[in-house]
Amino acid sequence: MLLRALELLARRRRPGGNPLWTAVTVAAFLLRLYHRRADRQEVSLREELRPGESLLITHTTQPRG
């Protein structure tokens, strides 16, 4: 919702106008970029366990090769 509002405000930007509109445009761009990166890093797994089974979750980092 905030991103949509920033994008609508950024459209008011006029060449040679108030620098505030340039800042709004840059903020909207950076916010969208942040959301894209956050969505890419999210991992979800859904697994149904049978009675007696357990699940161990660890977090390790692996070098990208």
PDB file of N, CA and C in Angstrom:
ATOM      1  N   MET A   1       0.818  -1.179   0.000  1.00  0.00           N
ATOM      2  CA  MET A   1       0.000   0.000   0.000  1.00  0.00           C
ATOM      3  C   MET A   1       0.876   1.262   0.000  1.00  0.00           C
ATOM      4  N   LEU A   2       1.913   1.256   0.808  1.00  0.00           N
ATOM      5  CA  LEU A   2       2.827   2.400   0.853  1.00  0.00           C
ATOM      6  C   LEU A   2       3.530   2.567  -0.486  1.00  0.00           C
ATOM      7  N   LEU A   3       3.935   1.446  -1.070  1.00  0.00           N
ATOM      8  CA  LEU A   3       4.627   1.501  -2.349  1.00  0.00           C
ATOM      9  C   LEU A   3       3.712   2.086  -3.425  1.00  0.00           C
ATOM     10  N   ARG A   4       2.467   1.667  -3.445  1.00  0.00           N
ATOM     11  CA  ARG A   4       1.512   2.176  -4.439  1.00  0.00           C
ATOM     12  C   ARG A   4       1.310   3.695  -4.265  1.00  0.00           C
ATOM     13  N   ALA A   5       1.214   4.132  -3.022  1.00  0.00           N
ATOM     14  CA  ALA A   5       1.046   5.565  -2.763  1.00  0.00           C
ATOM     15  C   ALA A   5       2.268   6.353  -3.236  1.00  0.00           C
ATOM     16  N   LEU A   6       3.461   5.819  -2.985  1.00  0.00           N
ATOM     17  CA  LEU A   6       4.683   6.498  -3.439  1.00  0.00           C
ATOM     18  C   LEU A   6       4.742   6.575  -4.959  1.00  0.00           C
ATOM     19  N   GLU A   7       4.323   5.490  -5.635  1.00  0.00           N
ATOM     20  CA  GLU A   7       4.343   5.501  -7.095  1.00  0.00           C
ATOM     21  C   GLU A   7       3.368   6.534  -7.652  1.00  0.00           C
ATOM     22  N   LEU A   8       2.210   6.651  -7.038  1.00  0.00           N
ATOM     23  CA  LEU A   8       1.248   7.651  -7.492  1.00  0.00           C
ATOM     24  C   LEU A   8       1.775   9.067  -7.274  1.00  0.00           C
ATOM     25  N   LEU A   9       2.417   9.294  -6.145  1.00  0.00           N
ATOM     26  CA  LEU A   9       3.001  10.608  -5.882  1.00  0.00           C
ATOM     27  C   LEU A   9       4.153  10.909  -6.838  1.00  0.00           C
ATOM     28  N   ALA A  10       4.912   9.885  -7.182  1.00  0.00           N
ATOM     29  CA  ALA A  10       6.071  10.083  -8.055  1.00  0.00           C
ATOM     30  C   ALA A  10       5.652  10.519  -9.455  1.00  0.00           C
ATOM     31  N   ARG A  11       4.454  10.181  -9.867  1.00  0.00           N
ATOM     32  CA  ARG A  11       3.987  10.576 -11.196  1.00  0.00           C
ATOM     33  C   ARG A  11       3.764  12.080 -11.303  1.00  0.00           C
ATOM     34  N   ARG A  12       3.669  12.761 -10.186  1.00  0.00           N
ATOM     35  CA  ARG A  12       3.476  14.211 -10.203  1.00  0.00           C
ATOM     36  C   ARG A  12       4.763  14.957 -10.533  1.00  0.00           C
ATOM     37  N   ARG A  13       5.862  14.244 -10.573  1.00  0.00           N
ATOM     38  CA  ARG A  13       7.167  14.856 -10.783  1.00  0.00           C
ATOM     39  C   ARG A  13       7.222  15.560 -12.137  1.00  0.00           C
ATOM     40  N   ARG A  14       7.696  16.774 -12.140  1.00  0.00           N
ATOM     41  CA  ARG A  14       7.835  17.559 -13.365  1.00  0.00           C
ATOM     42  C   ARG A  14       9.308  17.960 -13.503  1.00  0.00           C
ATOM     43  N   PRO A  15       9.830  17.939 -14.727  1.00  0.00           N
ATOM     44  CA  PRO A  15      11.217  18.374 -14.919  1.00  0.00           C
ATOM     45  C   PRO A  15      11.387  19.818 -14.440  1.00  0.00           C
ATOM     46  N   GLY A  16      12.390  20.045 -13.647  1.00  0.00           N
ATOM     47  CA  GLY A  16      12.649  21.375 -13.121  1.00  0.00           C
ATOM     48  C   GLY A  16      11.765  21.732 -11.943  1.00  0.00           C
ATOM     49  N   GLY A  17      10.997  20.775 -11.464  1.00  0.00           N
ATOM     50  CA  GLY A  17      10.099  21.028 -10.345  1.00  0.00           C
ATOM     51  C   GLY A  17      10.790  20.854  -9.008  1.00  0.00           C
ATOM     52  N   ASN A  18       9.984  20.646  -8.013  1.00  0.00           N
ATOM     53  CA  ASN A  18      10.475  20.490  -6.651  1.00  0.00           C
ATOM     54  C   ASN A  18      11.304  19.202  -6.523  1.00  0.00           C
ATOM     55  N   PRO A  19      12.481  19.253  -5.914  1.00  0.00           N
ATOM     56  CA  PRO A  19      13.311  18.053  -5.745  1.00  0.00           C
ATOM     57  C   PRO A  19      12.655  16.990  -4.852  1.00  0.00           C
ATOM     58  N   LEU A  20      11.620  17.364  -4.120  1.00  0.00           N
ATOM     59  CA  LEU A  20      10.914  16.395  -3.293  1.00  0.00           C
ATOM     60  C   LEU A  20      10.334  15.276  -4.149  1.00  0.00           C
ATOM     61  N   TRP A  21       9.837  15.595  -5.338  1.00  0.00           N
ATOM     62  CA  TRP A  21       9.255  14.571  -6.202  1.00  0.00           C
ATOM     63  C   TRP A  21      10.328  13.597  -6.692  1.00  0.00           C
ATOM     64  N   THR A  22      11.524  14.090  -6.914  1.00  0.00           N
ATOM     65  CA  THR A  22      12.630  13.209  -7.294  1.00  0.00           C
ATOM     66  C   THR A  22      12.930  12.248  -6.146  1.00  0.00           C
ATOM     67  N   ALA A  23      12.917  12.751  -4.926  1.00  0.00           N
ATOM     68  CA  ALA A  23      13.157  11.900  -3.761  1.00  0.00           C
ATOM     69  C   ALA A  23      12.060  10.852  -3.620  1.00  0.00           C
ATOM     70  N   VAL A  24      10.822  11.222  -3.890  1.00  0.00           N
ATOM     71  CA  VAL A  24       9.712  10.266  -3.820  1.00  0.00           C
ATOM     72  C   VAL A  24       9.884   9.181  -4.876  1.00  0.00           C
ATOM     73  N   THR A  25      10.285   9.566  -6.076  1.00  0.00           N
ATOM     74  CA  THR A  25      10.516   8.601  -7.150  1.00  0.00           C
ATOM     75  C   THR A  25      11.623   7.618  -6.777  1.00  0.00           C
ATOM     76  N   VAL A  26      12.706   8.118  -6.238  1.00  0.00           N
ATOM     77  CA  VAL A  26      13.827   7.258  -5.831  1.00  0.00           C
ATOM     78  C   VAL A  26      13.395   6.335  -4.687  1.00  0.00           C
ATOM     79  N   ALA A  27      12.633   6.853  -3.742  1.00  0.00           N
ATOM     80  CA  ALA A  27      12.156   6.027  -2.626  1.00  0.00           C
ATOM     81  C   ALA A  27      11.271   4.900  -3.131  1.00  0.00           C
ATOM     82  N   ALA A  28      10.386   5.175  -4.073  1.00  0.00           N
ATOM     83  CA  ALA A  28       9.513   4.143  -4.632  1.00  0.00           C
ATOM     84  C   ALA A  28      10.340   3.074  -5.341  1.00  0.00           C
ATOM     85  N   PHE A  29      11.349   3.509  -6.094  1.00  0.00           N
ATOM     86  CA  PHE A  29      12.213   2.559  -6.792  1.00  0.00           C
ATOM     87  C   PHE A  29      12.959   1.659  -5.809  1.00  0.00           C
ATOM     88  N   LEU A  30      13.541   2.251  -4.773  1.00  0.00           N
ATOM     89  CA  LEU A  30      14.299   1.469  -3.795  1.00  0.00           C
ATOM     90  C   LEU A  30      13.401   0.523  -3.009  1.00  0.00           C
ATOM     91  N   LEU A  31      12.201   0.951  -2.693  1.00  0.00           N
ATOM     92  CA  LEU A  31      11.268   0.094  -1.975  1.00  0.00           C
ATOM     93  C   LEU A  31      10.855  -1.106  -2.822  1.00  0.00           C
ATOM     94  N   ARG A  32      10.602  -0.872  -4.107  1.00  0.00           N
ATOM     95  CA  ARG A  32      10.252  -1.988  -4.996  1.00  0.00           C
ATOM     96  C   ARG A  32      11.429  -2.954  -5.127  1.00  0.00           C
ATOM     97  N   LEU A  33      12.637  -2.434  -5.244  1.00  0.00           N
ATOM     98  CA  LEU A  33      13.832  -3.277  -5.327  1.00  0.00           C
ATOM     99  C   LEU A  33      13.989  -4.113  -4.058  1.00  0.00           C
ATOM    100  N   TYR A  34      13.759  -3.506  -2.908  1.00  0.00           N
ATOM    101  CA  TYR A  34      13.840  -4.229  -1.637  1.00  0.00           C
ATOM    102  C   TYR A  34      12.819  -5.368  -1.593  1.00  0.00           C
ATOM    103  N   HIS A  35      11.601  -5.108  -2.030  1.00  0.00           N
ATOM    104  CA  HIS A  35      10.565  -6.142  -2.018  1.00  0.00           C
ATOM    105  C   HIS A  35      10.919  -7.300  -2.951  1.00  0.00           C
ATOM    106  N   ARG A  36      11.490  -6.991  -4.097  1.00  0.00           N
ATOM    107  CA  ARG A  36      11.891  -8.054  -5.028  1.00  0.00           C
ATOM    108  C   ARG A  36      12.961  -8.945  -4.407  1.00  0.00           C
ATOM    109  N   ARG A  37      13.937  -8.339  -3.756  1.00  0.00           N
ATOM    110  CA  ARG A  37      15.001  -9.134  -3.123  1.00  0.00           C
ATOM    111  C   ARG A  37      14.481  -9.949  -1.955  1.00  0.00           C
ATOM    112  N   ALA A  38      13.606  -9.366  -1.161  1.00  0.00           N
ATOM    113  CA  ALA A  38      13.051 -10.077  -0.010  1.00  0.00           C
ATOM    114  C   ALA A  38      12.219 -11.265  -0.469  1.00  0.00           C
ATOM    115  N   ASP A  39      11.454 -11.114  -1.539  1.00  0.00           N
ATOM    116  CA  ASP A  39      10.643 -12.220  -2.048  1.00  0.00           C
ATOM    117  C   ASP A  39      11.522 -13.343  -2.578  1.00  0.00           C
ATOM    118  N   ARG A  40      12.630 -12.994  -3.182  1.00  0.00           N
ATOM    119  CA  ARG A  40      13.518 -13.997  -3.759  1.00  0.00           C
ATOM    120  C   ARG A  40      14.202 -14.831  -2.674  1.00  0.00           C
ATOM    121  N   GLN A  41      14.450 -14.245  -1.507  1.00  0.00           N
ATOM    122  CA  GLN A  41      15.171 -14.948  -0.453  1.00  0.00           C
ATOM    123  C   GLN A  41      14.269 -15.791   0.434  1.00  0.00           C
ATOM    124  N   GLU A  42      12.972 -15.652   0.292  1.00  0.00           N
ATOM    125  CA  GLU A  42      12.048 -16.387   1.137  1.00  0.00           C
ATOM    126  C   GLU A  42      11.960 -17.842   0.677  1.00  0.00           C
ATOM    127  N   VAL A  43      12.079 -18.761   1.623  1.00  0.00           N
ATOM    128  CA  VAL A  43      11.989 -20.185   1.331  1.00  0.00           C
ATOM    129  C   VAL A  43      10.909 -20.771   2.214  1.00  0.00           C
ATOM    130  N   SER A  44      10.027 -21.530   1.610  1.00  0.00           N
ATOM    131  CA  SER A  44       8.994 -22.173   2.413  1.00  0.00           C
ATOM    132  C   SER A  44       8.933 -23.644   2.051  1.00  0.00           C
ATOM    133  N   LEU A  45       8.653 -24.460   3.028  1.00  0.00           N
ATOM    134  CA  LEU A  45       8.574 -25.906   2.853  1.00  0.00           C
ATOM    135  C   LEU A  45       7.396 -26.408   3.665  1.00  0.00           C
ATOM    136  N   ARG A  46       6.617 -27.233   3.038  1.00  0.00           N
ATOM    137  CA  ARG A  46       5.477 -27.806   3.741  1.00  0.00           C
ATOM    138  C   ARG A  46       5.593 -29.319   3.630  1.00  0.00           C
ATOM    139  N   GLU A  47       5.604 -29.966   4.750  1.00  0.00           N
ATOM    140  CA  GLU A  47       5.767 -31.424   4.796  1.00  0.00           C
ATOM    141  C   GLU A  47       4.868 -31.977   5.889  1.00  0.00           C
ATOM    142  N   GLU A  48       4.108 -32.986   5.568  1.00  0.00           N
ATOM    143  CA  GLU A  48       3.247 -33.614   6.570  1.00  0.00           C
ATOM    144  C   GLU A  48       4.023 -34.752   7.231  1.00  0.00           C
ATOM    145  N   LEU A  49       4.080 -34.692   8.550  1.00  0.00           N
ATOM    146  CA  LEU A  49       4.797 -35.724   9.297  1.00  0.00           C
ATOM    147  C   LEU A  49       3.838 -36.805   9.745  1.00  0.00           C
ATOM    148  N   ARG A  50       4.333 -38.022   9.702  1.00  0.00           N
ATOM    149  CA  ARG A  50       3.550 -39.149  10.206  1.00  0.00           C
ATOM    150  C   ARG A  50       3.805 -39.283  11.701  1.00  0.00           C
ATOM    151  N   PRO A  51       2.934 -39.968  12.391  1.00  0.00           N
ATOM    152  CA  PRO A  51       3.141 -40.161  13.837  1.00  0.00           C
ATOM    153  C   PRO A  51       4.513 -40.781  14.115  1.00  0.00           C
ATOM    154  N   GLY A  52       5.227 -40.208  15.074  1.00  0.00           N
ATOM    155  CA  GLY A  52       6.550 -40.701  15.442  1.00  0.00           C
ATOM    156  C   GLY A  52       7.681 -40.021  14.692  1.00  0.00           C
ATOM    157  N   GLU A  53       7.396 -39.302  13.609  1.00  0.00           N
ATOM    158  CA  GLU A  53       8.438 -38.611  12.855  1.00  0.00           C
ATOM    159  C   GLU A  53       8.709 -37.248  13.487  1.00  0.00           C
ATOM    160  N   SER A  54       9.919 -36.747  13.282  1.00  0.00           N
ATOM    161  CA  SER A  54      10.263 -35.429  13.800  1.00  0.00           C
ATOM    162  C   SER A  54      10.969 -34.643  12.694  1.00  0.00           C
ATOM    163  N   LEU A  55      11.119 -33.379  12.932  1.00  0.00           N
ATOM    164  CA  LEU A  55      11.716 -32.501  11.954  1.00  0.00           C
ATOM    165  C   LEU A  55      12.803 -31.670  12.629  1.00  0.00           C
ATOM    166  N   LEU A  56      13.966 -31.596  12.006  1.00  0.00           N
ATOM    167  CA  LEU A  56      15.069 -30.789  12.514  1.00  0.00           C
ATOM    168  C   LEU A  56      15.357 -29.695  11.489  1.00  0.00           C
ATOM    169  N   ILE A  57      15.333 -28.468  11.932  1.00  0.00           N
ATOM    170  CA  ILE A  57      15.581 -27.335  11.040  1.00  0.00           C
ATOM    171  C   ILE A  57      16.897 -26.689  11.447  1.00  0.00           C
ATOM    172  N   THR A  58      17.796 -26.544  10.474  1.00  0.00           N
ATOM    173  CA  THR A  58      19.060 -25.855  10.720  1.00  0.00           C
ATOM    174  C   THR A  58      19.214 -24.762   9.677  1.00  0.00           C
ATOM    175  N   HIS A  59      19.985 -23.779  10.020  1.00  0.00           N
ATOM    176  CA  HIS A  59      20.266 -22.691   9.090  1.00  0.00           C
ATOM    177  C   HIS A  59      21.773 -22.625   8.887  1.00  0.00           C
ATOM    178  N   THR A  60      22.186 -22.927   7.682  1.00  0.00           N
ATOM    179  CA  THR A  60      23.612 -22.842   7.357  1.00  0.00           C
ATOM    180  C   THR A  60      23.743 -22.034   6.083  1.00  0.00           C
ATOM    181  N   THR A  61      24.857 -21.388   5.938  1.00  0.00           N
ATOM    182  CA  THR A  61      25.110 -20.657   4.703  1.00  0.00           C
ATOM    183  C   THR A  61      26.076 -21.469   3.856  1.00  0.00           C
ATOM    184  N   GLN A  62      25.784 -21.504   2.584  1.00  0.00           N
ATOM    185  CA  GLN A  62      26.639 -22.235   1.639  1.00  0.00           C
ATOM    186  C   GLN A  62      27.202 -21.236   0.653  1.00  0.00           C
ATOM    187  N   PRO A  63      28.483 -21.369   0.347  1.00  0.00           N
ATOM    188  CA  PRO A  63      29.064 -20.448  -0.648  1.00  0.00           C
ATOM    189  C   PRO A  63      28.441 -20.688  -2.007  1.00  0.00           C
ATOM    190  N   ARG A  64      28.150 -19.590  -2.690  1.00  0.00           N
ATOM    191  CA  ARG A  64      27.589 -19.712  -4.037  1.00  0.00           C
ATOM    192  C   ARG A  64      28.730 -19.948  -5.023  1.00  0.00           C
ATOM    193  N   GLY A  65      28.572 -20.937  -5.852  1.00  0.00           N
ATOM    194  CA  GLY A  65      29.655 -21.278  -6.750  1.00  0.00           C
ATOM    195  C   GLY A  65      29.371 -21.167  -8.164  1.00  0.00           C
TER     196      GLY A  65
END
